[in-house]
Amino acid sequence: MSRMLTFVDSCENERLIGTVENESEAMRCISEFLKERNYKSYYTRKWRSGDHIIYDVGSWSEFFRLYD
């Protein structure tokens, strides 16, 4: 079952980053996204909110969401 991975910017605009099969693929996709933008993440926090998981990679106002 494919799951949607999105990026939410500081203005709360949400855009599709990719479709993945599991959390491991989501983490790889997030890492690639950050690497392409030369952003160094020193930690990753995650928590569930309704129908999705939120990933915080150290930005104060930008997040990733993985939908079920």
C-alpha atoms as a PDB file:
ATOM      1  CA  MET A   1       0.000   0.000   0.000  1.00  0.00           C
ATOM      2  CA  SER A   2       1.523   3.300  -1.091  1.00  0.00           C
ATOM      3  CA  ARG A   3       1.596   6.183   1.337  1.00  0.00           C
ATOM      4  CA  MET A   4       1.967   9.878   0.499  1.00  0.00           C
ATOM      5  CA  LEU A   5       4.929  11.829   1.893  1.00  0.00           C
ATOM      6  CA  THR A   6       4.515  15.599   1.872  1.00  0.00           C
ATOM      7  CA  PHE A   7       6.541  18.647   2.889  1.00  0.00           C
ATOM      8  CA  VAL A   8       4.878  21.528   4.748  1.00  0.00           C
ATOM      9  CA  ASP A   9       6.710  24.855   4.525  1.00  0.00           C
ATOM     10  CA  SER A  10       6.663  27.779   6.958  1.00  0.00           C
ATOM     11  CA  CYS A  11       3.580  29.276   5.221  1.00  0.00           C
ATOM     12  CA  GLU A  12       1.770  25.939   5.683  1.00  0.00           C
ATOM     13  CA  ASN A  13       1.888  25.168   1.951  1.00  0.00           C
ATOM     14  CA  GLU A  14       1.934  21.412   1.536  1.00  0.00           C
ATOM     15  CA  ARG A  15       3.420  19.621  -1.458  1.00  0.00           C
ATOM     16  CA  LEU A  16       3.894  16.005  -2.414  1.00  0.00           C
ATOM     17  CA  ILE A  17       7.481  14.763  -2.093  1.00  0.00           C
ATOM     18  CA  GLY A  18       6.830  11.157  -3.078  1.00  0.00           C
ATOM     19  CA  THR A  19       4.948   7.962  -2.516  1.00  0.00           C
ATOM     20  CA  VAL A  20       6.537   5.307  -0.322  1.00  0.00           C
ATOM     21  CA  GLU A  21       5.702   1.847   0.953  1.00  0.00           C
ATOM     22  CA  ASN A  22       6.915   2.206   4.552  1.00  0.00           C
ATOM     23  CA  GLU A  23       8.652   4.459   7.082  1.00  0.00           C
ATOM     24  CA  SER A  24      12.138   3.359   6.027  1.00  0.00           C
ATOM     25  CA  GLU A  25      11.480   4.572   2.495  1.00  0.00           C
ATOM     26  CA  ALA A  26      10.004   7.784   3.905  1.00  0.00           C
ATOM     27  CA  MET A  27      13.182   8.447   5.893  1.00  0.00           C
ATOM     28  CA  ARG A  28      15.328   7.859   2.783  1.00  0.00           C
ATOM     29  CA  CYS A  29      13.125  10.240   0.802  1.00  0.00           C
ATOM     30  CA  ILE A  30      13.353  12.884   3.542  1.00  0.00           C
ATOM     31  CA  SER A  31      17.148  12.506   3.680  1.00  0.00           C
ATOM     32  CA  GLU A  32      17.438  12.950  -0.093  1.00  0.00           C
ATOM     33  CA  PHE A  33      15.155  15.994   0.017  1.00  0.00           C
ATOM     34  CA  LEU A  34      17.303  17.599   2.744  1.00  0.00           C
ATOM     35  CA  LYS A  35      20.576  16.722   1.016  1.00  0.00           C
ATOM     36  CA  GLU A  36      19.428  18.337  -2.256  1.00  0.00           C
ATOM     37  CA  ARG A  37      18.832  21.551  -0.300  1.00  0.00           C
ATOM     38  CA  ASN A  38      22.065  21.384   1.725  1.00  0.00           C
ATOM     39  CA  TYR A  39      20.129  21.231   4.999  1.00  0.00           C
ATOM     40  CA  LYS A  40      21.820  19.361   7.848  1.00  0.00           C
ATOM     41  CA  SER A  41      19.396  17.777  10.305  1.00  0.00           C
ATOM     42  CA  TYR A  42      20.817  16.946  13.718  1.00  0.00           C
ATOM     43  CA  TYR A  43      17.760  15.042  14.928  1.00  0.00           C
ATOM     44  CA  THR A  44      14.391  13.709  13.826  1.00  0.00           C
ATOM     45  CA  ARG A  45      11.303  13.595  16.010  1.00  0.00           C
ATOM     46  CA  LYS A  46       8.056  11.984  14.948  1.00  0.00           C
ATOM     47  CA  TRP A  47       4.542  11.767  16.305  1.00  0.00           C
ATOM     48  CA  ARG A  48       1.114  10.742  15.097  1.00  0.00           C
ATOM     49  CA  SER A  49      -1.571  13.322  14.429  1.00  0.00           C
ATOM     50  CA  GLY A  50      -4.837  11.881  13.146  1.00  0.00           C
ATOM     51  CA  ASP A  51      -4.314  10.091   9.838  1.00  0.00           C
ATOM     52  CA  HIS A  52      -0.622  10.951   9.436  1.00  0.00           C
ATOM     53  CA  ILE A  53       2.808  10.919  11.064  1.00  0.00           C
ATOM     54  CA  ILE A  54       4.647  14.227  11.409  1.00  0.00           C
ATOM     55  CA  TYR A  55       8.433  14.322  11.094  1.00  0.00           C
ATOM     56  CA  ASP A  56      10.330  17.234  12.627  1.00  0.00           C
ATOM     57  CA  VAL A  57      13.889  17.443  11.291  1.00  0.00           C
ATOM     58  CA  GLY A  58      15.019  20.470  13.283  1.00  0.00           C
ATOM     59  CA  SER A  59      13.344  23.332  11.463  1.00  0.00           C
ATOM     60  CA  TRP A  60      11.191  25.580  13.596  1.00  0.00           C
ATOM     61  CA  SER A  61       8.408  25.806  11.063  1.00  0.00           C
ATOM     62  CA  GLU A  62       8.794  23.155   8.356  1.00  0.00           C
ATOM     63  CA  PHE A  63       7.736  19.519   8.651  1.00  0.00           C
ATOM     64  CA  PHE A  64       7.121  16.343   6.692  1.00  0.00           C
ATOM     65  CA  ARG A  65       3.899  14.346   6.826  1.00  0.00           C
ATOM     66  CA  LEU A  66       3.436  10.682   6.015  1.00  0.00           C
ATOM     67  CA  TYR A  67      -0.231   9.866   5.352  1.00  0.00           C
ATOM     68  CA  ASP A  68      -1.760   6.436   5.949  1.00  0.00           C
END
